[in-house]
C-alpha atoms as a PDB file:
ATOM      1  CA  MET A   1      79.817 115.435 159.019  1.00  0.00           C
ATOM      2  CA  ASN A   2      78.652 114.117 155.653  1.00  0.00           C
ATOM      3  CA  GLY A   3      80.272 117.069 153.840  1.00  0.00           C
ATOM      4  CA  PHE A   4      83.570 116.387 155.588  1.00  0.00           C
ATOM      5  CA  SER A   5      83.412 112.693 154.654  1.00  0.00           C
ATOM      6  CA  ILE A   6      82.652 113.421 150.997  1.00  0.00           C
ATOM      7  CA  GLY A   7      85.489 115.947 150.773  1.00  0.00           C
ATOM      8  CA  ARG A   8      87.889 113.519 152.357  1.00  0.00           C
ATOM      9  CA  ALA A   9      86.791 110.761 149.997  1.00  0.00           C
ATOM     10  CA  LEU A  10      87.345 113.042 146.999  1.00  0.00           C
ATOM     11  CA  ALA A  11      90.821 113.912 148.235  1.00  0.00           C
ATOM     12  CA  VAL A  12      91.710 110.247 148.568  1.00  0.00           C
ATOM     13  CA  LEU A  13      90.348 109.577 145.069  1.00  0.00           C
ATOM     14  CA  VAL A  14      92.452 112.390 143.588  1.00  0.00           C
ATOM     15  CA  LEU A  15      95.581 111.089 145.319  1.00  0.00           C
ATOM     16  CA  ALA A  16      94.872 107.619 144.008  1.00  0.00           C
ATOM     17  CA  PHE A  17      95.019 108.945 140.470  1.00  0.00           C
ATOM     18  CA  LEU A  18      98.055 111.159 141.032  1.00  0.00           C
ATOM     19  CA  LEU A  19     100.291 108.732 142.921  1.00  0.00           C
ATOM     20  CA  PRO A  20     101.709 105.645 141.207  1.00  0.00           C
ATOM     21  CA  ALA A  21     100.341 102.391 142.526  1.00  0.00           C
ATOM     22  CA  PRO A  22     102.541  99.291 142.511  1.00  0.00           C
ATOM     23  CA  GLY A  23      99.631  97.185 141.365  1.00  0.00           C
ATOM     24  CA  TRP A  24      99.248  99.313 138.234  1.00  0.00           C
ATOM     25  CA  ALA A  25     102.743  98.548 136.915  1.00  0.00           C
ATOM     26  CA  THR A  26     102.791  96.830 133.537  1.00  0.00           C
ATOM     27  CA  GLU A  27     103.848  93.203 133.362  1.00  0.00           C
ATOM     28  CA  ALA A  28     107.101  94.319 131.728  1.00  0.00           C
ATOM     29  CA  GLN A  29     107.839  96.800 134.513  1.00  0.00           C
ATOM     30  CA  SER A  30     107.142  94.181 137.170  1.00  0.00           C
ATOM     31  CA  ARG A  31     109.228  91.542 135.416  1.00  0.00           C
ATOM     32  CA  LEU A  32     112.236  93.836 134.887  1.00  0.00           C
ATOM     33  CA  GLU A  33     112.045  95.805 138.144  1.00  0.00           C
ATOM     34  CA  GLY A  34     115.288  95.962 140.133  1.00  0.00           C
ATOM     35  CA  ARG A  35     117.345  94.363 137.353  1.00  0.00           C
ATOM     36  CA  THR A  36     120.056  95.591 134.992  1.00  0.00           C
ATOM     37  CA  LEU A  37     119.525  95.466 131.242  1.00  0.00           C
ATOM     38  CA  ASP A  38     122.804  95.424 129.295  1.00  0.00           C
ATOM     39  CA  VAL A  39     122.589  96.912 125.803  1.00  0.00           C
ATOM     40  CA  LEU A  40     125.093  96.467 123.003  1.00  0.00           C
ATOM     41  CA  VAL A  41     124.827  99.379 120.567  1.00  0.00           C
ATOM     42  CA  GLY A  42     126.489  98.036 117.433  1.00  0.00           C
ATOM     43  CA  PHE A  43     127.187 101.465 115.976  1.00  0.00           C
ATOM     44  CA  SER A  44     129.709 104.240 116.502  1.00  0.00           C
ATOM     45  CA  ASN A  45     128.939 106.656 119.307  1.00  0.00           C
ATOM     46  CA  THR A  46     128.658 109.604 116.911  1.00  0.00           C
ATOM     47  CA  GLY A  47     126.438 108.432 114.027  1.00  0.00           C
ATOM     48  CA  ASP A  48     122.736 108.008 113.350  1.00  0.00           C
ATOM     49  CA  GLY A  49     122.593 104.758 115.315  1.00  0.00           C
ATOM     50  CA  ALA A  50     123.880 106.532 118.417  1.00  0.00           C
ATOM     51  CA  ARG A  51     121.488 109.411 117.838  1.00  0.00           C
ATOM     52  CA  PHE A  52     118.534 107.021 117.767  1.00  0.00           C
ATOM     53  CA  TRP A  53     119.730 105.120 120.832  1.00  0.00           C
ATOM     54  CA  ASN A  54     120.226 108.281 122.872  1.00  0.00           C
ATOM     55  CA  LEU A  55     116.670 109.339 122.075  1.00  0.00           C
ATOM     56  CA  PHE A  56     115.167 105.878 122.556  1.00  0.00           C
ATOM     57  CA  SER A  57     117.026 105.131 125.787  1.00  0.00           C
ATOM     58  CA  GLY A  58     115.606 108.232 127.453  1.00  0.00           C
ATOM     59  CA  ALA A  59     112.074 107.078 126.655  1.00  0.00           C
ATOM     60  CA  LEU A  60     112.878 103.499 127.676  1.00  0.00           C
ATOM     61  CA  ARG A  61     114.074 104.675 131.081  1.00  0.00           C
ATOM     62  CA  ARG A  62     110.785 106.512 131.546  1.00  0.00           C
ATOM     63  CA  HIS A  63     108.887 103.313 130.763  1.00  0.00           C
ATOM     64  CA  LEU A  64     111.152 101.159 132.956  1.00  0.00           C
ATOM     65  CA  PRO A  65     111.936 103.536 135.843  1.00  0.00           C
ATOM     66  CA  LYS A  66     113.085 100.763 138.192  1.00  0.00           C
ATOM     67  CA  THR A  67     115.356  99.023 135.693  1.00  0.00           C
ATOM     68  CA  VAL A  68     119.023  99.968 135.296  1.00  0.00           C
ATOM     69  CA  ILE A  69     119.845 100.322 131.593  1.00  0.00           C
ATOM     70  CA  ARG A  70     123.561 100.022 130.876  1.00  0.00           C
ATOM     71  CA  ALA A  71     124.771 100.550 127.298  1.00  0.00           C
ATOM     72  CA  ARG A  72     128.100 100.145 125.540  1.00  0.00           C
ATOM     73  CA  PHE A  73     129.024 101.022 121.968  1.00  0.00           C
ATOM     74  CA  ASP A  74     130.959  98.596 119.767  1.00  0.00           C
ATOM     75  CA  ASP A  75     130.806  98.987 116.000  1.00  0.00           C
ATOM     76  CA  THR A  76     133.659  96.541 115.335  1.00  0.00           C
ATOM     77  CA  ALA A  77     132.822  94.617 112.146  1.00  0.00           C
ATOM     78  CA  ARG A  78     129.542  96.558 111.997  1.00  0.00           C
ATOM     79  CA  GLY A  79     128.287  95.098 115.254  1.00  0.00           C
ATOM     80  CA  ALA A  80     129.372  91.503 114.586  1.00  0.00           C
ATOM     81  CA  LYS A  81     131.929  91.396 117.403  1.00  0.00           C
ATOM     82  CA  GLY A  82     129.469  92.710 119.986  1.00  0.00           C
ATOM     83  CA  THR A  83     126.818  90.309 118.726  1.00  0.00           C
ATOM     84  CA  SER A  84     129.252  87.438 119.302  1.00  0.00           C
ATOM     85  CA  ASP A  85     129.829  88.700 122.843  1.00  0.00           C
ATOM     86  CA  LEU A  86     126.085  88.653 123.549  1.00  0.00           C
ATOM     87  CA  PHE A  87     125.700  85.126 122.214  1.00  0.00           C
ATOM     88  CA  SER A  88     128.316  83.941 124.714  1.00  0.00           C
ATOM     89  CA  LEU A  89     126.278  85.135 127.717  1.00  0.00           C
ATOM     90  CA  PRO A  90     124.959  82.416 130.056  1.00  0.00           C
ATOM     91  CA  GLU A  91     121.350  81.394 130.600  1.00  0.00           C
ATOM     92  CA  GLY A  92     119.422  83.895 132.689  1.00  0.00           C
ATOM     93  CA  SER A  93     121.216  86.947 131.300  1.00  0.00           C
ATOM     94  CA  LEU A  94     119.290  90.128 130.559  1.00  0.00           C
ATOM     95  CA  ALA A  95     120.739  91.803 127.488  1.00  0.00           C
ATOM     96  CA  VAL A  96     119.833  93.083 124.034  1.00  0.00           C
ATOM     97  CA  GLY A  97     121.746  94.098 120.947  1.00  0.00           C
ATOM     98  CA  PHE A  98     120.919  97.084 118.747  1.00  0.00           C
ATOM     99  CA  VAL A  99     122.161  96.392 115.228  1.00  0.00           C
ATOM    100  CA  ARG A 100     121.352  96.609 111.559  1.00  0.00           C
ATOM    101  CA  PRO A 101     120.279  92.989 110.891  1.00  0.00           C
ATOM    102  CA  PRO A 102     121.663  92.735 107.331  1.00  0.00           C
ATOM    103  CA  ASP A 103     125.121  93.827 108.512  1.00  0.00           C
ATOM    104  CA  VAL A 104     125.410  91.090 111.136  1.00  0.00           C
ATOM    105  CA  ALA A 105     123.702  88.587 108.818  1.00  0.00           C
ATOM    106  CA  PHE A 106     126.212  89.256 106.027  1.00  0.00           C
ATOM    107  CA  ALA A 107     129.072  88.872 108.514  1.00  0.00           C
ATOM    108  CA  GLN A 108     127.669  85.471 109.487  1.00  0.00           C
ATOM    109  CA  ALA A 109     127.165  84.404 105.872  1.00  0.00           C
ATOM    110  CA  ARG A 110     130.760  85.339 105.026  1.00  0.00           C
ATOM    111  CA  LYS A 111     132.099  83.580 108.127  1.00  0.00           C
ATOM    112  CA  LEU A 112     134.130  86.559 109.297  1.00  0.00           C
ATOM    113  CA  GLU A 113     136.701  85.872 111.987  1.00  0.00           C
ATOM    114  CA  SER A 114     134.805  87.969 114.544  1.00  0.00           C
ATOM    115  CA  VAL A 115     131.588  85.952 114.095  1.00  0.00           C
ATOM    116  CA  ASP A 116     130.650  83.426 116.744  1.00  0.00           C
ATOM    117  CA  TYR A 117     126.854  83.438 116.543  1.00  0.00           C
ATOM    118  CA  ASP A 118     123.920  82.114 114.565  1.00  0.00           C
ATOM    119  CA  LEU A 119     121.125  84.607 113.946  1.00  0.00           C
ATOM    120  CA  HIS A 120     118.712  81.717 113.477  1.00  0.00           C
ATOM    121  CA  GLN A 121     118.830  81.551 117.291  1.00  0.00           C
ATOM    122  CA  ALA A 122     118.354  85.293 117.880  1.00  0.00           C
ATOM    123  CA  LYS A 123     115.200  86.389 119.691  1.00  0.00           C
ATOM    124  CA  TRP A 124     114.130  89.556 117.920  1.00  0.00           C
ATOM    125  CA  ILE A 125     112.570  92.232 120.107  1.00  0.00           C
ATOM    126  CA  ALA A 126     111.502  94.976 117.673  1.00  0.00           C
ATOM    127  CA  GLY A 127     112.450  96.789 114.519  1.00  0.00           C
ATOM    128  CA  VAL A 128     112.649 100.570 114.771  1.00  0.00           C
ATOM    129  CA  GLU A 129     112.806 101.718 111.140  1.00  0.00           C
ATOM    130  CA  GLU A 130     110.905 101.030 107.940  1.00  0.00           C
ATOM    131  CA  GLU A 131     112.542 102.913 105.112  1.00  0.00           C
ATOM    132  CA  SER A 132     112.038 103.388 101.393  1.00  0.00           C
ATOM    133  CA  PHE A 133     115.106 103.148  99.162  1.00  0.00           C
ATOM    134  CA  VAL A 134     115.832 104.513  95.733  1.00  0.00           C
ATOM    135  CA  MET A 135     118.808 104.470  93.381  1.00  0.00           C
ATOM    136  CA  VAL A 136     119.907 108.109  93.387  1.00  0.00           C
ATOM    137  CA  ALA A 137     121.917 109.383  90.411  1.00  0.00           C
ATOM    138  CA  ARG A 138     123.859 112.509  89.564  1.00  0.00           C
ATOM    139  CA  ARG A 139     122.416 115.240  87.401  1.00  0.00           C
ATOM    140  CA  GLY A 140     122.777 114.536  83.689  1.00  0.00           C
ATOM    141  CA  LEU A 141     123.311 110.783  83.919  1.00  0.00           C
ATOM    142  CA  PRO A 142     121.333 108.824  81.298  1.00  0.00           C
ATOM    143  CA  VAL A 143     118.374 107.164  82.980  1.00  0.00           C
ATOM    144  CA  GLU A 144     117.414 104.428  80.518  1.00  0.00           C
ATOM    145  CA  PRO A 145     118.683 100.903  81.279  1.00  0.00           C
ATOM    146  CA  GLN A 146     120.150 100.253  77.827  1.00  0.00           C
ATOM    147  CA  ALA A 147     122.143 103.491  77.837  1.00  0.00           C
ATOM    148  CA  LEU A 148     123.511 102.726  81.288  1.00  0.00           C
ATOM    149  CA  ARG A 149     124.464  99.169  80.329  1.00  0.00           C
ATOM    150  CA  ALA A 150     126.415 100.488  77.350  1.00  0.00           C
ATOM    151  CA  THR A 151     128.825 102.360  79.634  1.00  0.00           C
ATOM    152  CA  GLY A 152     130.618  99.163  80.702  1.00  0.00           C
ATOM    153  CA  ASN A 153     132.045  99.554  84.199  1.00  0.00           C
ATOM    154  CA  SER A 154     132.911 103.247  83.833  1.00  0.00           C
ATOM    155  CA  LEU A 155     130.133 104.183  86.275  1.00  0.00           C
ATOM    156  CA  ILE A 156     131.087 104.761  89.924  1.00  0.00           C
ATOM    157  CA  MET A 157     129.030 103.591  92.920  1.00  0.00           C
ATOM    158  CA  PRO A 158     130.456 104.995  96.195  1.00  0.00           C
ATOM    159  CA  VAL A 159     130.225 102.829  99.340  1.00  0.00           C
ATOM    160  CA  SER A 160     131.701 102.974 102.831  1.00  0.00           C
ATOM    161  CA  ASP A 161     133.290  99.509 102.813  1.00  0.00           C
ATOM    162  CA  ILE A 162     132.728  96.293 100.928  1.00  0.00           C
ATOM    163  CA  LEU A 163     131.086  94.589 103.938  1.00  0.00           C
ATOM    164  CA  ALA A 164     128.387  97.256 104.331  1.00  0.00           C
ATOM    165  CA  THR A 165     124.786  96.388 103.498  1.00  0.00           C
ATOM    166  CA  HIS A 166     124.619  99.025 100.771  1.00  0.00           C
ATOM    167  CA  ALA A 167     127.793  97.622  99.185  1.00  0.00           C
ATOM    168  CA  THR A 168     126.460  94.054  99.137  1.00  0.00           C
ATOM    169  CA  VAL A 169     123.202  95.278  97.640  1.00  0.00           C
ATOM    170  CA  GLY A 170     125.120  97.362  95.099  1.00  0.00           C
ATOM    171  CA  VAL A 171     127.080  94.339  93.902  1.00  0.00           C
ATOM    172  CA  LEU A 172     123.879  92.297  93.549  1.00  0.00           C
ATOM    173  CA  LEU A 173     122.213  95.157  91.659  1.00  0.00           C
ATOM    174  CA  ASN A 174     125.071  95.060  89.149  1.00  0.00           C
ATOM    175  CA  ALA A 175     124.160  91.449  88.464  1.00  0.00           C
ATOM    176  CA  VAL A 176     120.383  91.680  88.167  1.00  0.00           C
ATOM    177  CA  THR A 177     120.232  95.001  86.261  1.00  0.00           C
ATOM    178  CA  GLY A 178     123.215  94.402  83.985  1.00  0.00           C
ATOM    179  CA  ILE A 179     124.462  97.912  84.812  1.00  0.00           C
ATOM    180  CA  GLY A 180     128.061  97.312  85.823  1.00  0.00           C
ATOM    181  CA  ALA A 181     129.085 100.013  88.256  1.00  0.00           C
ATOM    182  CA  LYS A 182     132.527 100.042  89.816  1.00  0.00           C
ATOM    183  CA  VAL A 183     132.019  99.779  93.586  1.00  0.00           C
ATOM    184  CA  VAL A 184     134.461 102.213  95.216  1.00  0.00           C
ATOM    185  CA  VAL A 185     135.016 102.111  98.995  1.00  0.00           C
ATOM    186  CA  GLY A 186     135.882 104.903 101.427  1.00  0.00           C
ATOM    187  CA  PHE A 187     132.721 107.027 101.355  1.00  0.00           C
ATOM    188  CA  GLY A 188     130.752 107.652 104.548  1.00  0.00           C
ATOM    189  CA  ASN A 189     127.049 108.569 104.526  1.00  0.00           C
ATOM    190  CA  SER A 190     127.458 112.272 103.792  1.00  0.00           C
ATOM    191  CA  ALA A 191     130.463 111.694 101.522  1.00  0.00           C
ATOM    192  CA  ARG A 192     128.440 109.457  99.215  1.00  0.00           C
ATOM    193  CA  LEU A 193     125.893 112.172  98.563  1.00  0.00           C
ATOM    194  CA  LYS A 194     128.604 114.823  98.190  1.00  0.00           C
ATOM    195  CA  SER A 195     130.356 112.716  95.558  1.00  0.00           C
ATOM    196  CA  ILE A 196     127.101 112.479  93.582  1.00  0.00           C
ATOM    197  CA  LEU A 197     126.499 116.231  93.821  1.00  0.00           C
ATOM    198  CA  ALA A 198     130.073 116.950  92.717  1.00  0.00           C
ATOM    199  CA  GLY A 199     129.790 114.569  89.765  1.00  0.00           C
ATOM    200  CA  ASP A 200     132.633 112.403  91.095  1.00  0.00           C
ATOM    201  CA  ALA A 201     130.336 109.366  91.356  1.00  0.00           C
ATOM    202  CA  ASP A 202     127.280 108.307  89.399  1.00  0.00           C
ATOM    203  CA  PHE A 203     124.702 106.644  91.644  1.00  0.00           C
ATOM    204  CA  TYR A 204     124.139 104.930  94.986  1.00  0.00           C
ATOM    205  CA  THR A 205     121.303 103.418  97.013  1.00  0.00           C
ATOM    206  CA  ALA A 206     119.815 105.923  99.450  1.00  0.00           C
ATOM    207  CA  ALA A 207     116.907 106.230 101.830  1.00  0.00           C
ATOM    208  CA  ALA A 208     114.257 108.548 100.400  1.00  0.00           C
ATOM    209  CA  ASP A 209     114.418 110.842 103.416  1.00  0.00           C
ATOM    210  CA  GLN A 210     114.050 114.577 104.069  1.00  0.00           C
ATOM    211  CA  GLU A 211     117.660 115.293 103.101  1.00  0.00           C
ATOM    212  CA  LEU A 212     117.019 114.316  99.483  1.00  0.00           C
ATOM    213  CA  GLN A 213     113.689 116.114  99.041  1.00  0.00           C
ATOM    214  CA  PRO A 214     115.106 119.563  98.130  1.00  0.00           C
ATOM    215  CA  LEU A 215     117.749 117.968  95.895  1.00  0.00           C
ATOM    216  CA  PHE A 216     115.095 116.145  93.887  1.00  0.00           C
ATOM    217  CA  GLU A 217     113.134 119.397  93.655  1.00  0.00           C
ATOM    218  CA  SER A 218     116.143 121.353  92.378  1.00  0.00           C
ATOM    219  CA  GLY A 219     117.211 118.627  89.966  1.00  0.00           C
ATOM    220  CA  ASP A 220     120.643 118.268  91.582  1.00  0.00           C
ATOM    221  CA  VAL A 221     119.941 114.531  91.823  1.00  0.00           C
ATOM    222  CA  GLN A 222     117.537 112.219  90.028  1.00  0.00           C
ATOM    223  CA  ALA A 223     116.044 108.806  90.713  1.00  0.00           C
ATOM    224  CA  LEU A 224     116.933 105.911  88.444  1.00  0.00           C
ATOM    225  CA  TYR A 225     114.495 103.472  90.059  1.00  0.00           C
ATOM    226  CA  THR A 226     112.838 102.603  93.346  1.00  0.00           C
ATOM    227  CA  ILE A 227     114.167  99.582  95.224  1.00  0.00           C
ATOM    228  CA  VAL A 228     111.819  98.979  98.141  1.00  0.00           C
ATOM    229  CA  GLY A 229     109.170 100.839 100.138  1.00  0.00           C
ATOM    230  CA  GLU A 230     106.254 103.161  99.479  1.00  0.00           C
ATOM    231  CA  GLN A 231     107.273 106.590 100.788  1.00  0.00           C
ATOM    232  CA  PHE A 232     108.944 108.573  97.997  1.00  0.00           C
ATOM    233  CA  PRO A 233     109.101 112.286  97.119  1.00  0.00           C
ATOM    234  CA  PRO A 234     106.697 113.308  94.334  1.00  0.00           C
ATOM    235  CA  GLN A 235     109.638 113.809  91.947  1.00  0.00           C
ATOM    236  CA  VAL A 236     110.374 110.066  92.025  1.00  0.00           C
ATOM    237  CA  ASP A 237     108.623 108.195  89.202  1.00  0.00           C
ATOM    238  CA  ARG A 238     107.123 105.176  90.969  1.00  0.00           C
ATOM    239  CA  SER A 239     106.677 103.329  87.677  1.00  0.00           C
ATOM    240  CA  ARG A 240     110.463 103.095  87.399  1.00  0.00           C
ATOM    241  CA  THR A 241     110.895 100.182  89.782  1.00  0.00           C
ATOM    242  CA  LEU A 242     113.797  97.805  90.215  1.00  0.00           C
ATOM    243  CA  GLU A 243     111.685  95.237  88.362  1.00  0.00           C
ATOM    244  CA  SER A 244     111.601  97.516  85.300  1.00  0.00           C
ATOM    245  CA  PHE A 245     115.426  97.492  85.214  1.00  0.00           C
ATOM    246  CA  LEU A 246     115.981  93.733  85.561  1.00  0.00           C
ATOM    247  CA  VAL A 247     117.740  91.733  82.880  1.00  0.00           C
ATOM    248  CA  PRO A 248     115.837  88.715  81.502  1.00  0.00           C
ATOM    249  CA  GLY A 249     116.162  85.713  83.781  1.00  0.00           C
ATOM    250  CA  ALA A 250     117.213  87.652  86.872  1.00  0.00           C
ATOM    251  CA  PRO A 251     116.436  85.236  89.752  1.00  0.00           C
ATOM    252  CA  GLN A 252     113.508  86.246  91.943  1.00  0.00           C
ATOM    253  CA  ALA A 253     115.431  84.897  94.936  1.00  0.00           C
ATOM    254  CA  VAL A 254     118.120  87.532  94.382  1.00  0.00           C
ATOM    255  CA  VAL A 255     115.569  90.315  93.910  1.00  0.00           C
ATOM    256  CA  ASP A 256     113.796  89.311  97.136  1.00  0.00           C
ATOM    257  CA  TYR A 257     117.149  89.208  98.900  1.00  0.00           C
ATOM    258  CA  ILE A 258     117.957  92.749  97.742  1.00  0.00           C
ATOM    259  CA  LYS A 259     114.595  94.072  98.893  1.00  0.00           C
ATOM    260  CA  SER A 260     114.823  92.444 102.318  1.00  0.00           C
ATOM    261  CA  ALA A 261     118.401  93.558 102.854  1.00  0.00           C
ATOM    262  CA  ARG A 262     117.848  97.143 101.773  1.00  0.00           C
ATOM    263  CA  GLY A 263     114.408  97.572 103.328  1.00  0.00           C
ATOM    264  CA  MET A 264     115.408  96.487 106.835  1.00  0.00           C
ATOM    265  CA  GLY A 265     116.226  99.192 109.335  1.00  0.00           C
ATOM    266  CA  ARG A 266     117.901  98.917 112.718  1.00  0.00           C
ATOM    267  CA  ALA A 267     116.481  96.460 115.225  1.00  0.00           C
ATOM    268  CA  PHE A 268     116.859  95.042 118.726  1.00  0.00           C
ATOM    269  CA  PHE A 269     117.440  91.375 119.515  1.00  0.00           C
ATOM    270  CA  ALA A 270     118.018  89.267 122.606  1.00  0.00           C
ATOM    271  CA  PRO A 271     120.636  86.496 122.541  1.00  0.00           C
ATOM    272  CA  PRO A 272     119.790  82.844 123.318  1.00  0.00           C
ATOM    273  CA  GLY A 273     120.711  83.239 127.010  1.00  0.00           C
ATOM    274  CA  VAL A 274     117.709  85.495 127.687  1.00  0.00           C
ATOM    275  CA  ASN A 275     114.738  83.400 128.805  1.00  0.00           C
ATOM    276  CA  ALA A 276     111.294  83.456 127.195  1.00  0.00           C
ATOM    277  CA  GLU A 277     109.579  85.423 129.983  1.00  0.00           C
ATOM    278  CA  ASP A 278     112.188  88.178 129.831  1.00  0.00           C
ATOM    279  CA  VAL A 279     111.983  88.279 126.036  1.00  0.00           C
ATOM    280  CA  ALA A 280     108.209  88.773 126.264  1.00  0.00           C
ATOM    281  CA  ALA A 281     108.683  91.592 128.784  1.00  0.00           C
ATOM    282  CA  LEU A 282     111.288  93.286 126.584  1.00  0.00           C
ATOM    283  CA  ARG A 283     109.019  93.052 123.534  1.00  0.00           C
ATOM    284  CA  GLU A 284     106.201  94.658 125.495  1.00  0.00           C
ATOM    285  CA  ALA A 285     108.356  97.470 126.881  1.00  0.00           C
ATOM    286  CA  PHE A 286     110.122  98.283 123.614  1.00  0.00           C
ATOM    287  CA  HIS A 287     106.844  98.321 121.679  1.00  0.00           C
ATOM    288  CA  GLU A 288     105.318 100.696 124.229  1.00  0.00           C
ATOM    289  CA  VAL A 289     108.218 103.097 123.718  1.00  0.00           C
ATOM    290  CA  LEU A 290     108.001 102.954 119.921  1.00  0.00           C
ATOM    291  CA  VAL A 291     104.300 103.902 119.958  1.00  0.00           C
ATOM    292  CA  ASP A 292     104.592 106.422 122.803  1.00  0.00           C
ATOM    293  CA  PRO A 293     103.221 109.711 121.355  1.00  0.00           C
ATOM    294  CA  ASP A 294     105.780 111.777 123.271  1.00  0.00           C
ATOM    295  CA  PHE A 295     108.673 109.703 121.937  1.00  0.00           C
ATOM    296  CA  VAL A 296     107.304 109.747 118.388  1.00  0.00           C
ATOM    297  CA  ALA A 297     106.834 113.530 118.524  1.00  0.00           C
ATOM    298  CA  GLU A 298     110.328 114.074 119.910  1.00  0.00           C
ATOM    299  CA  ALA A 299     111.827 111.876 117.192  1.00  0.00           C
ATOM    300  CA  ALA A 300     109.888 113.744 114.494  1.00  0.00           C
ATOM    301  CA  SER A 301     111.125 117.090 115.809  1.00  0.00           C
ATOM    302  CA  MET A 302     114.698 115.814 115.397  1.00  0.00           C
ATOM    303  CA  ALA A 303     114.039 114.256 111.957  1.00  0.00           C
ATOM    304  CA  VAL A 304     114.777 110.790 113.369  1.00  0.00           C
ATOM    305  CA  PRO A 305     112.774 108.117 111.497  1.00  0.00           C
ATOM    306  CA  VAL A 306     110.801 105.780 113.761  1.00  0.00           C
ATOM    307  CA  ALA A 307     108.561 102.806 113.055  1.00  0.00           C
ATOM    308  CA  ALA A 308     107.239 100.083 115.342  1.00  0.00           C
ATOM    309  CA  VAL A 309     108.129  96.978 113.322  1.00  0.00           C
ATOM    310  CA  ASP A 310     106.870  93.731 114.830  1.00  0.00           C
ATOM    311  CA  TRP A 311     109.581  91.288 115.873  1.00  0.00           C
ATOM    312  CA  GLN A 312     108.087  88.571 113.673  1.00  0.00           C
ATOM    313  CA  VAL A 313     108.598  90.763 110.592  1.00  0.00           C
ATOM    314  CA  VAL A 314     112.234  91.346 111.545  1.00  0.00           C
ATOM    315  CA  GLU A 315     112.730  87.622 112.105  1.00  0.00           C
ATOM    316  CA  ARG A 316     111.212  86.725 108.734  1.00  0.00           C
ATOM    317  CA  GLN A 317     113.277  89.298 106.842  1.00  0.00           C
ATOM    318  CA  THR A 318     116.467  88.244 108.601  1.00  0.00           C
ATOM    319  CA  LEU A 319     115.885  84.609 107.698  1.00  0.00           C
ATOM    320  CA  GLU A 320     115.304  85.667 104.080  1.00  0.00           C
ATOM    321  CA  ILE A 321     118.862  87.001 103.920  1.00  0.00           C
ATOM    322  CA  LEU A 322     120.243  83.896 105.656  1.00  0.00           C
ATOM    323  CA  PRO A 323     118.808  81.252 103.330  1.00  0.00           C
ATOM    324  CA  THR A 324     119.278  77.595 104.172  1.00  0.00           C
ATOM    325  CA  ASP A 325     117.805  76.328 100.901  1.00  0.00           C
ATOM    326  CA  SER A 326     120.818  75.280  98.826  1.00  0.00           C
ATOM    327  CA  ALA A 327     119.328  76.239  95.439  1.00  0.00           C
ATOM    328  CA  ARG A 328     118.406  79.727  96.631  1.00  0.00           C
ATOM    329  CA  LEU A 329     121.769  80.188  98.308  1.00  0.00           C
ATOM    330  CA  GLU A 330     123.558  79.150  95.131  1.00  0.00           C
ATOM    331  CA  GLN A 331     121.630  81.737  93.083  1.00  0.00           C
ATOM    332  CA  ILE A 332     122.541  84.522  95.503  1.00  0.00           C
ATOM    333  CA  GLU A 333     126.202  83.524  95.689  1.00  0.00           C
ATOM    334  CA  HIS A 334     126.408  83.291  91.892  1.00  0.00           C
ATOM    335  CA  ALA A 335     124.851  86.746  91.491  1.00  0.00           C
ATOM    336  CA  TYR A 336     127.233  88.252  94.053  1.00  0.00           C
ATOM    337  CA  ALA A 337     130.323  86.725  92.433  1.00  0.00           C
ATOM    338  CA  CYS A 338     129.190  87.875  89.002  1.00  0.00           C
ATOM    339  CA  GLY A 339     128.241  91.368  90.193  1.00  0.00           C
ATOM    340  CA  LEU A 340     131.654  91.718  91.820  1.00  0.00           C
ATOM    341  CA  ALA A 341     133.327  90.632  88.585  1.00  0.00           C
ATOM    342  CA  MET A 342     131.359  93.344  86.768  1.00  0.00           C
ATOM    343  CA  SER A 343     132.516  95.899  89.338  1.00  0.00           C
ATOM    344  CA  GLU A 344     136.142  94.879  88.797  1.00  0.00           C
ATOM    345  CA  GLY A 345     135.862  94.908  84.997  1.00  0.00           C
ATOM    346  CA  ARG A 346     136.314  91.123  84.664  1.00  0.00           C
ATOM    347  CA  SER A 347     132.836  90.618  83.204  1.00  0.00           C
ATOM    348  CA  ASP A 348     130.240  92.736  81.441  1.00  0.00           C
ATOM    349  CA  ARG A 349     127.144  90.710  82.306  1.00  0.00           C
ATOM    350  CA  CYS A 350     125.789  87.782  84.291  1.00  0.00           C
ATOM    351  CA  ASP A 351     124.362  84.603  82.857  1.00  0.00           C
ATOM    352  CA  PHE A 352     121.231  83.481  84.657  1.00  0.00           C
END
């Protein structure tokens, strides 16, 4: 009789561990159970943003098995239109946006027609990338600041469009380095690198990722200077920083702006209509996915960069590129106007 009872007790104990128990659900799972989470993916449905979302959403569904996750893609104005849509949602909504914060911040700062939001009111959920950026140059280009400044605006910097983060940063880099590159639009991600390899363009800002490693090793590209971050291939001279290329008097506010804008990766936010309890649940759930060993391993196997960036860091960096201090804002606007004039050949330097 005792043997039977012990065996039965062991069987019950095993089942208790194998079967999910409602009481063991996380607070996020309990809070979001039976509800629909609408997701705006502010990228095209074929690029790197979509690739990350497709990977992340699978893991998120595993973490929130009783929540319906409904996504739509809208890269109009680099996510600005979709962000405006989210900000118009009523109180009690459950929705998040997946965007590149500098893109939607620049759209707000420039008061684009599609913008009807204020990122000061955004409730950031998590950042998902933490990248290192370097100014990548073609083979054979002079690498000393004075030699580059002497070229006038004959140098070419390829960008996708003038509203892109990398284009804004490129214009500001003209101003603070005194190296007046002509910013030329119409180059997608892969096209920018191809133009450098072909010698049709001279340099551009790029993430120091796996794609560039063999090109640095072969000497097909070279690094002019690091911009932000710590993870660089061994061929990149870390002593050649952006600071070592600055012209005298370059405003620190502009340098900080460049670093924040270029160093920020994609991130999730909730609009003002999402209440505080739901925001807390979303932060918990999204963080759990980003540190899930299975998700991290799957992302690594697909060469998809992942980092669990705290929402407070994303908020701080976003506010840095949306300054409200008038003196700081004036410095940034002056540098942008001057850098654009250098790009267009109307000026050869900026006065700071």
